[in-house]
Amino acid sequence: MDVTKRQITKIAREVSRFTVRSLRREGVGSGELDVLHAVRKTPGISQSEICRLTGQDKGAVARIAAGLEKKGYITRRADPCDGRSRLLFPTPQAEKLKGSKAHLEACFYDWLLECLEEEQKEAFSHILNILYERCKNESKGGFVNVAERVENCYEK
């Protein structure tokens, strides 16, 4: 039984909704944010790799990449290993947008936590950090433990 009632997910969804709504004023949508995140995290990434990471189809990624290039968030360069392929790189404007997104999220979380006493914030932050480290370690390990847990749930 999920004692969290998926509230972490629900809070993250609302923060994302607020962030996307705010960034739309800068002309960037949610699909574009996913692609930009992949390009910033892996400069020199191919569109096919972005498809694999984001789950978006080839046509959507191609349209998004073209739009982001036109808006000045990414540049495309020829792949030295494959002349037909183009690799995507973030521009300084993309890095500014990352800072803008992080700032929006920080403001939202500041607002959300201001109803807590200082010691509650510290305790919450401590527990959240424990969970975050566990999550990152599982991710780096390929989600083996969680996948096994899911498989066991389906077998029941």
N, C-alpha and C. Protein backbone atom coordinates (compact mmCIF):
# COMPACT_ATOMS: atom_id res chain seq x y z
N MET A 1 0.85 -1.19 0.00
CA MET A 1 0.00 0.00 0.00
C MET A 1 0.89 1.25 0.00
N ASP A 2 0.51 2.20 -0.79
CA ASP A 2 1.30 3.43 -0.94
C ASP A 2 0.87 4.44 0.13
N VAL A 3 1.64 4.53 1.21
CA VAL A 3 1.30 5.46 2.29
C VAL A 3 1.47 6.92 1.87
N THR A 4 2.24 7.15 0.79
CA THR A 4 2.45 8.53 0.33
C THR A 4 1.26 9.05 -0.48
N LYS A 5 0.40 8.14 -0.90
CA LYS A 5 -0.75 8.49 -1.75
C LYS A 5 -0.29 9.24 -3.01
N ARG A 6 0.94 8.93 -3.42
CA ARG A 6 1.55 9.53 -4.61
C ARG A 6 1.61 11.06 -4.53
N GLN A 7 1.64 11.59 -3.32
CA GLN A 7 1.63 13.05 -3.15
C GLN A 7 2.91 13.71 -3.66
N ILE A 8 4.04 13.01 -3.63
CA ILE A 8 5.28 13.57 -4.18
C ILE A 8 5.07 13.81 -5.68
N THR A 9 4.50 12.83 -6.35
CA THR A 9 4.21 12.95 -7.77
C THR A 9 3.23 14.10 -8.03
N LYS A 10 2.22 14.18 -7.21
CA LYS A 10 1.20 15.22 -7.40
C LYS A 10 1.77 16.62 -7.20
N ILE A 11 2.63 16.78 -6.20
CA ILE A 11 3.27 18.08 -5.98
C ILE A 11 4.18 18.40 -7.17
N ALA A 12 4.98 17.43 -7.59
CA ALA A 12 5.88 17.66 -8.73
C ALA A 12 5.09 18.03 -9.98
N ARG A 13 3.94 17.41 -10.18
CA ARG A 13 3.10 17.72 -11.33
C ARG A 13 2.61 19.16 -11.29
N GLU A 14 2.22 19.62 -10.10
CA GLU A 14 1.74 21.00 -9.97
C GLU A 14 2.87 22.00 -10.17
N VAL A 15 4.06 21.69 -9.65
CA VAL A 15 5.22 22.56 -9.87
C VAL A 15 5.54 22.63 -11.36
N SER A 16 5.47 21.48 -12.02
CA SER A 16 5.73 21.44 -13.46
C SER A 16 4.69 22.25 -14.22
N ARG A 17 3.44 22.12 -13.82
CA ARG A 17 2.36 22.88 -14.48
C ARG A 17 2.61 24.38 -14.34
N PHE A 18 2.99 24.81 -13.14
CA PHE A 18 3.29 26.22 -12.90
C PHE A 18 4.49 26.67 -13.74
N THR A 19 5.53 25.85 -13.76
CA THR A 19 6.75 26.19 -14.49
C THR A 19 6.48 26.29 -15.99
N VAL A 20 5.77 25.30 -16.52
CA VAL A 20 5.46 25.31 -17.96
C VAL A 20 4.62 26.53 -18.30
N ARG A 21 3.64 26.82 -17.48
CA ARG A 21 2.78 27.99 -17.72
C ARG A 21 3.62 29.27 -17.72
N SER A 22 4.55 29.36 -16.78
CA SER A 22 5.40 30.56 -16.69
C SER A 22 6.36 30.65 -17.87
N LEU A 23 6.92 29.51 -18.30
CA LEU A 23 7.90 29.53 -19.39
C LEU A 23 7.25 29.71 -20.76
N ARG A 24 5.97 29.44 -20.86
CA ARG A 24 5.27 29.68 -22.12
C ARG A 24 5.37 31.15 -22.52
N ARG A 25 5.46 32.01 -21.52
CA ARG A 25 5.62 33.44 -21.81
C ARG A 25 6.92 33.71 -22.56
N GLU A 26 7.89 32.81 -22.38
CA GLU A 26 9.16 32.94 -23.09
C GLU A 26 9.14 32.14 -24.39
N GLY A 27 7.97 31.57 -24.72
CA GLY A 27 7.81 30.85 -25.98
C GLY A 27 8.30 29.42 -25.97
N VAL A 28 8.36 28.80 -24.79
CA VAL A 28 8.85 27.42 -24.69
C VAL A 28 7.78 26.55 -24.05
N GLY A 29 7.43 25.45 -24.73
CA GLY A 29 6.42 24.53 -24.22
C GLY A 29 7.03 23.33 -23.52
N SER A 30 6.18 22.46 -22.99
CA SER A 30 6.66 21.33 -22.19
C SER A 30 7.46 20.33 -23.01
N GLY A 31 7.04 20.02 -24.22
CA GLY A 31 7.80 19.10 -25.07
C GLY A 31 9.17 19.67 -25.38
N GLU A 32 9.22 20.98 -25.58
CA GLU A 32 10.50 21.64 -25.84
C GLU A 32 11.41 21.58 -24.62
N LEU A 33 10.82 21.71 -23.44
CA LEU A 33 11.63 21.63 -22.22
C LEU A 33 12.28 20.26 -22.08
N ASP A 34 11.56 19.20 -22.42
CA ASP A 34 12.13 17.85 -22.35
C ASP A 34 13.32 17.71 -23.29
N VAL A 35 13.17 18.22 -24.51
CA VAL A 35 14.26 18.13 -25.49
C VAL A 35 15.43 18.99 -25.04
N LEU A 36 15.14 20.21 -24.57
CA LEU A 36 16.21 21.09 -24.09
C LEU A 36 16.97 20.47 -22.93
N HIS A 37 16.26 19.83 -22.04
CA HIS A 37 16.90 19.18 -20.90
C HIS A 37 17.88 18.11 -21.41
N ALA A 38 17.44 17.31 -22.37
CA ALA A 38 18.31 16.27 -22.92
C ALA A 38 19.54 16.87 -23.59
N VAL A 39 19.36 17.97 -24.32
CA VAL A 39 20.48 18.61 -25.02
C VAL A 39 21.45 19.25 -24.02
N ARG A 40 20.91 19.91 -22.99
CA ARG A 40 21.78 20.52 -21.98
C ARG A 40 22.56 19.47 -21.21
N LYS A 41 21.88 18.36 -20.90
CA LYS A 41 22.52 17.30 -20.11
C LYS A 41 23.56 16.53 -20.93
N THR A 42 23.33 16.43 -22.24
CA THR A 42 24.23 15.68 -23.12
C THR A 42 24.53 16.48 -24.38
N PRO A 43 25.36 17.51 -24.28
CA PRO A 43 25.68 18.29 -25.48
C PRO A 43 26.26 17.38 -26.57
N GLY A 44 25.81 17.59 -27.81
CA GLY A 44 26.27 16.75 -28.90
C GLY A 44 25.41 15.51 -29.08
N ILE A 45 24.22 15.53 -28.51
CA ILE A 45 23.30 14.40 -28.60
C ILE A 45 22.62 14.40 -29.97
N SER A 46 22.26 13.22 -30.44
CA SER A 46 21.54 13.10 -31.71
C SER A 46 20.04 13.13 -31.45
N GLN A 47 19.29 13.41 -32.49
CA GLN A 47 17.83 13.42 -32.36
C GLN A 47 17.30 12.03 -32.03
N SER A 48 17.91 10.99 -32.58
CA SER A 48 17.44 9.63 -32.29
C SER A 48 17.67 9.28 -30.82
N GLU A 49 18.77 9.78 -30.25
CA GLU A 49 19.02 9.54 -28.82
C GLU A 49 17.99 10.31 -27.98
N ILE A 50 17.62 11.49 -28.41
CA ILE A 50 16.58 12.25 -27.69
C ILE A 50 15.26 11.47 -27.73
N CYS A 51 14.94 10.88 -28.87
CA CYS A 51 13.73 10.06 -28.98
C CYS A 51 13.75 8.94 -27.94
N ARG A 52 14.89 8.29 -27.83
CA ARG A 52 15.02 7.19 -26.87
C ARG A 52 14.86 7.67 -25.44
N LEU A 53 15.47 8.82 -25.12
CA LEU A 53 15.41 9.34 -23.75
C LEU A 53 14.04 9.88 -23.37
N THR A 54 13.39 10.58 -24.29
CA THR A 54 12.13 11.27 -23.96
C THR A 54 10.89 10.46 -24.28
N GLY A 55 11.04 9.45 -25.16
CA GLY A 55 9.87 8.68 -25.57
C GLY A 55 9.06 9.37 -26.66
N GLN A 56 9.55 10.49 -27.14
CA GLN A 56 8.85 11.20 -28.22
C GLN A 56 9.23 10.57 -29.56
N ASP A 57 8.31 10.69 -30.53
CA ASP A 57 8.62 10.09 -31.82
C ASP A 57 9.55 10.99 -32.63
N LYS A 58 10.12 10.38 -33.69
CA LYS A 58 11.14 11.03 -34.50
C LYS A 58 10.66 12.35 -35.11
N GLY A 59 9.45 12.35 -35.63
CA GLY A 59 8.91 13.56 -36.24
C GLY A 59 8.74 14.69 -35.25
N ALA A 60 8.24 14.35 -34.06
CA ALA A 60 8.04 15.37 -33.02
C ALA A 60 9.37 15.98 -32.60
N VAL A 61 10.38 15.13 -32.40
CA VAL A 61 11.69 15.63 -31.98
C VAL A 61 12.29 16.50 -33.08
N ALA A 62 12.13 16.11 -34.32
CA ALA A 62 12.66 16.90 -35.43
C ALA A 62 11.99 18.29 -35.47
N ARG A 63 10.67 18.33 -35.31
CA ARG A 63 9.95 19.62 -35.29
C ARG A 63 10.37 20.48 -34.11
N ILE A 64 10.47 19.86 -32.95
CA ILE A 64 10.87 20.59 -31.74
C ILE A 64 12.29 21.13 -31.89
N ALA A 65 13.20 20.30 -32.38
CA ALA A 65 14.59 20.73 -32.56
C ALA A 65 14.67 21.90 -33.53
N ALA A 66 13.91 21.82 -34.62
CA ALA A 66 13.90 22.92 -35.59
C ALA A 66 13.39 24.20 -34.94
N GLY A 67 12.33 24.08 -34.14
CA GLY A 67 11.78 25.25 -33.44
C GLY A 67 12.76 25.83 -32.43
N LEU A 68 13.42 24.96 -31.68
CA LEU A 68 14.38 25.42 -30.68
C LEU A 68 15.59 26.09 -31.34
N GLU A 69 15.98 25.56 -32.49
CA GLU A 69 17.08 26.18 -33.22
C GLU A 69 16.67 27.57 -33.71
N LYS A 70 15.47 27.67 -34.23
CA LYS A 70 14.95 28.95 -34.72
C LYS A 70 14.84 29.98 -33.59
N LYS A 71 14.50 29.52 -32.40
CA LYS A 71 14.37 30.40 -31.23
C LYS A 71 15.72 30.72 -30.59
N GLY A 72 16.77 30.04 -31.03
CA GLY A 72 18.11 30.32 -30.52
C GLY A 72 18.51 29.54 -29.29
N TYR A 73 17.80 28.45 -28.97
CA TYR A 73 18.13 27.66 -27.78
C TYR A 73 19.12 26.54 -28.05
N ILE A 74 19.19 26.08 -29.32
CA ILE A 74 20.14 25.02 -29.67
C ILE A 74 20.79 25.35 -31.00
N THR A 75 21.93 24.70 -31.24
CA THR A 75 22.56 24.75 -32.56
C THR A 75 22.75 23.31 -33.02
N ARG A 76 22.79 23.14 -34.33
CA ARG A 76 23.03 21.82 -34.91
C ARG A 76 24.37 21.85 -35.63
N ARG A 77 25.12 20.78 -35.44
CA ARG A 77 26.41 20.64 -36.12
C ARG A 77 26.48 19.25 -36.74
N ALA A 78 27.20 19.16 -37.84
CA ALA A 78 27.35 17.87 -38.50
C ALA A 78 28.07 16.89 -37.57
N ASP A 79 27.61 15.66 -37.59
CA ASP A 79 28.25 14.59 -36.83
C ASP A 79 29.53 14.19 -37.57
N PRO A 80 30.70 14.31 -36.95
CA PRO A 80 31.95 13.97 -37.64
C PRO A 80 32.03 12.49 -38.04
N CYS A 81 31.24 11.65 -37.37
CA CYS A 81 31.27 10.21 -37.67
C CYS A 81 30.24 9.81 -38.73
N ASP A 82 29.25 10.68 -38.96
CA ASP A 82 28.18 10.37 -39.91
C ASP A 82 27.71 11.68 -40.53
N GLY A 83 28.13 11.96 -41.72
CA GLY A 83 27.83 13.23 -42.38
C GLY A 83 26.35 13.51 -42.57
N ARG A 84 25.52 12.48 -42.53
CA ARG A 84 24.07 12.69 -42.69
C ARG A 84 23.42 13.15 -41.40
N SER A 85 24.03 12.85 -40.30
CA SER A 85 23.45 13.12 -38.99
C SER A 85 23.90 14.48 -38.45
N ARG A 86 23.02 15.10 -37.67
CA ARG A 86 23.33 16.38 -37.03
C ARG A 86 23.26 16.19 -35.52
N LEU A 87 24.19 16.80 -34.82
CA LEU A 87 24.23 16.73 -33.36
C LEU A 87 23.74 18.05 -32.79
N LEU A 88 23.09 17.98 -31.65
CA LEU A 88 22.47 19.16 -31.04
C LEU A 88 23.28 19.63 -29.83
N PHE A 89 23.45 20.95 -29.75
CA PHE A 89 24.20 21.57 -28.67
C PHE A 89 23.39 22.74 -28.09
N PRO A 90 23.46 22.94 -26.77
CA PRO A 90 22.75 24.08 -26.16
C PRO A 90 23.49 25.39 -26.44
N THR A 91 22.74 26.46 -26.48
CA THR A 91 23.34 27.79 -26.61
C THR A 91 23.33 28.45 -25.23
N PRO A 92 24.02 29.57 -25.07
CA PRO A 92 23.94 30.30 -23.79
C PRO A 92 22.50 30.66 -23.42
N GLN A 93 21.68 30.89 -24.41
CA GLN A 93 20.26 31.20 -24.15
C GLN A 93 19.56 30.01 -23.48
N ALA A 94 19.92 28.80 -23.86
CA ALA A 94 19.35 27.59 -23.24
C ALA A 94 19.78 27.49 -21.78
N GLU A 95 21.02 27.87 -21.51
CA GLU A 95 21.51 27.83 -20.13
C GLU A 95 20.78 28.86 -19.26
N LYS A 96 20.47 30.02 -19.84
CA LYS A 96 19.70 31.03 -19.10
C LYS A 96 18.31 30.51 -18.79
N LEU A 97 17.71 29.81 -19.75
CA LEU A 97 16.37 29.26 -19.55
C LEU A 97 16.39 28.23 -18.43
N LYS A 98 17.46 27.43 -18.36
CA LYS A 98 17.59 26.45 -17.27
C LYS A 98 17.58 27.17 -15.93
N GLY A 99 18.32 28.27 -15.85
CA GLY A 99 18.34 29.06 -14.62
C GLY A 99 16.97 29.64 -14.30
N SER A 100 16.27 30.04 -15.33
CA SER A 100 14.93 30.59 -15.15
C SER A 100 13.98 29.52 -14.61
N LYS A 101 14.06 28.32 -15.18
CA LYS A 101 13.21 27.21 -14.73
C LYS A 101 13.53 26.86 -13.28
N ALA A 102 14.81 26.75 -12.96
CA ALA A 102 15.22 26.42 -11.59
C ALA A 102 14.74 27.50 -10.62
N HIS A 103 14.81 28.76 -11.04
CA HIS A 103 14.36 29.86 -10.20
C HIS A 103 12.85 29.76 -9.95
N LEU A 104 12.09 29.47 -10.98
CA LEU A 104 10.63 29.32 -10.83
C LEU A 104 10.30 28.19 -9.86
N GLU A 105 11.00 27.06 -10.03
CA GLU A 105 10.76 25.92 -9.14
C GLU A 105 11.12 26.26 -7.70
N ALA A 106 12.26 26.94 -7.51
CA ALA A 106 12.69 27.32 -6.16
C ALA A 106 11.67 28.25 -5.51
N CYS A 107 11.16 29.20 -6.27
CA CYS A 107 10.15 30.12 -5.73
C CYS A 107 8.90 29.36 -5.32
N PHE A 108 8.48 28.40 -6.15
CA PHE A 108 7.30 27.61 -5.83
C PHE A 108 7.52 26.84 -4.53
N TYR A 109 8.68 26.16 -4.43
CA TYR A 109 8.95 25.37 -3.22
C TYR A 109 9.11 26.26 -1.99
N ASP A 110 9.69 27.43 -2.14
CA ASP A 110 9.76 28.38 -1.01
C ASP A 110 8.36 28.72 -0.53
N TRP A 111 7.48 29.03 -1.49
CA TRP A 111 6.09 29.35 -1.15
C TRP A 111 5.43 28.16 -0.46
N LEU A 112 5.62 26.96 -1.00
CA LEU A 112 4.97 25.77 -0.49
C LEU A 112 5.38 25.47 0.96
N LEU A 113 6.66 25.67 1.26
CA LEU A 113 7.18 25.31 2.58
C LEU A 113 7.04 26.41 3.63
N GLU A 114 6.63 27.60 3.22
CA GLU A 114 6.59 28.69 4.20
C GLU A 114 5.54 28.48 5.30
N CYS A 115 4.64 27.53 5.11
CA CYS A 115 3.63 27.25 6.15
C CYS A 115 4.19 26.34 7.25
N LEU A 116 5.42 25.84 7.07
CA LEU A 116 6.04 24.96 8.07
C LEU A 116 6.94 25.73 9.02
N GLU A 117 7.06 25.22 10.24
CA GLU A 117 8.01 25.76 11.20
C GLU A 117 9.42 25.39 10.73
N GLU A 118 10.42 26.11 11.21
CA GLU A 118 11.80 25.87 10.77
C GLU A 118 12.25 24.44 11.04
N GLU A 119 11.93 23.90 12.22
CA GLU A 119 12.35 22.53 12.53
C GLU A 119 11.61 21.51 11.66
N GLN A 120 10.39 21.80 11.27
CA GLN A 120 9.66 20.92 10.35
C GLN A 120 10.33 20.92 8.97
N LYS A 121 10.73 22.10 8.53
CA LYS A 121 11.43 22.21 7.24
C LYS A 121 12.72 21.41 7.25
N GLU A 122 13.47 21.51 8.34
CA GLU A 122 14.74 20.78 8.45
C GLU A 122 14.52 19.27 8.45
N ALA A 123 13.52 18.81 9.20
CA ALA A 123 13.22 17.38 9.25
C ALA A 123 12.75 16.88 7.89
N PHE A 124 11.88 17.65 7.26
CA PHE A 124 11.37 17.28 5.94
C PHE A 124 12.52 17.22 4.93
N SER A 125 13.38 18.22 4.96
CA SER A 125 14.51 18.29 4.04
C SER A 125 15.44 17.10 4.24
N HIS A 126 15.67 16.73 5.49
CA HIS A 126 16.54 15.59 5.80
C HIS A 126 15.96 14.29 5.22
N ILE A 127 14.69 14.06 5.46
CA ILE A 127 14.04 12.84 4.95
C ILE A 127 14.00 12.86 3.43
N LEU A 128 13.69 13.99 2.86
CA LEU A 128 13.64 14.11 1.40
C LEU A 128 15.01 13.80 0.78
N ASN A 129 16.07 14.25 1.42
CA ASN A 129 17.41 13.98 0.91
C ASN A 129 17.73 12.49 0.96
N ILE A 130 17.31 11.82 2.02
CA ILE A 130 17.51 10.36 2.12
C ILE A 130 16.80 9.67 0.95
N LEU A 131 15.57 10.06 0.69
CA LEU A 131 14.80 9.45 -0.40
C LEU A 131 15.40 9.78 -1.77
N TYR A 132 15.88 11.01 -1.91
CA TYR A 132 16.48 11.41 -3.18
C TYR A 132 17.74 10.59 -3.46
N GLU A 133 18.59 10.42 -2.46
CA GLU A 133 19.82 9.63 -2.64
C GLU A 133 19.48 8.18 -3.00
N ARG A 134 18.48 7.62 -2.34
CA ARG A 134 18.05 6.25 -2.65
C ARG A 134 17.56 6.16 -4.10
N CYS A 135 16.80 7.14 -4.51
CA CYS A 135 16.27 7.19 -5.87
C CYS A 135 17.40 7.30 -6.90
N LYS A 136 18.35 8.21 -6.67
CA LYS A 136 19.46 8.39 -7.60
C LYS A 136 20.31 7.13 -7.70
N ASN A 137 20.55 6.49 -6.58
CA ASN A 137 21.33 5.25 -6.60
C ASN A 137 20.62 4.16 -7.38
N GLU A 138 19.31 4.07 -7.22
CA GLU A 138 18.53 3.09 -7.97
C GLU A 138 18.57 3.40 -9.46
N SER A 139 18.46 4.66 -9.80
CA SER A 139 18.52 5.08 -11.20
C SER A 139 19.87 4.72 -11.82
N LYS A 140 20.95 5.05 -11.10
CA LYS A 140 22.30 4.75 -11.60
C LYS A 140 22.51 3.25 -11.76
N GLY A 141 21.82 2.46 -10.95
CA GLY A 141 21.93 1.01 -11.04
C GLY A 141 21.00 0.38 -12.06
N GLY A 142 20.29 1.21 -12.81
CA GLY A 142 19.41 0.69 -13.85
C GLY A 142 18.03 0.26 -13.37
N PHE A 143 17.63 0.70 -12.20
CA PHE A 143 16.30 0.42 -11.63
C PHE A 143 16.05 -1.08 -11.40
N VAL A 144 17.11 -1.83 -11.12
CA VAL A 144 16.99 -3.27 -10.97
C VAL A 144 16.04 -3.64 -9.83
N ASN A 145 16.20 -3.02 -8.68
CA ASN A 145 15.39 -3.38 -7.51
C ASN A 145 13.92 -3.02 -7.72
N VAL A 146 13.67 -1.84 -8.27
CA VAL A 146 12.28 -1.42 -8.50
C VAL A 146 11.64 -2.29 -9.57
N ALA A 147 12.37 -2.60 -10.63
CA ALA A 147 11.83 -3.45 -11.69
C ALA A 147 11.45 -4.82 -11.13
N GLU A 148 12.31 -5.35 -10.26
CA GLU A 148 12.01 -6.65 -9.64
C GLU A 148 10.74 -6.54 -8.79
N ARG A 149 10.62 -5.46 -8.05
CA ARG A 149 9.44 -5.25 -7.21
C ARG A 149 8.18 -5.19 -8.06
N VAL A 150 8.26 -4.48 -9.18
CA VAL A 150 7.11 -4.36 -10.08
C VAL A 150 6.74 -5.74 -10.64
N GLU A 151 7.75 -6.50 -11.07
CA GLU A 151 7.51 -7.84 -11.59
C GLU A 151 6.79 -8.70 -10.54
N ASN A 152 7.24 -8.61 -9.29
CA ASN A 152 6.63 -9.40 -8.22
C ASN A 152 5.18 -8.98 -8.00
N CYS A 153 4.89 -7.70 -8.17
CA CYS A 153 3.51 -7.22 -8.01
C CYS A 153 2.59 -7.78 -9.10
N TYR A 154 3.11 -7.90 -10.33
CA TYR A 154 2.31 -8.43 -11.43
C TYR A 154 2.07 -9.92 -11.28
N GLU A 155 3.01 -10.63 -10.65
CA GLU A 155 2.88 -12.07 -10.49
C GLU A 155 1.82 -12.45 -9.47
N LYS A 156 1.47 -11.53 -8.60
CA LYS A 156 0.51 -11.84 -7.53
C LYS A 156 -0.91 -11.90 -8.03
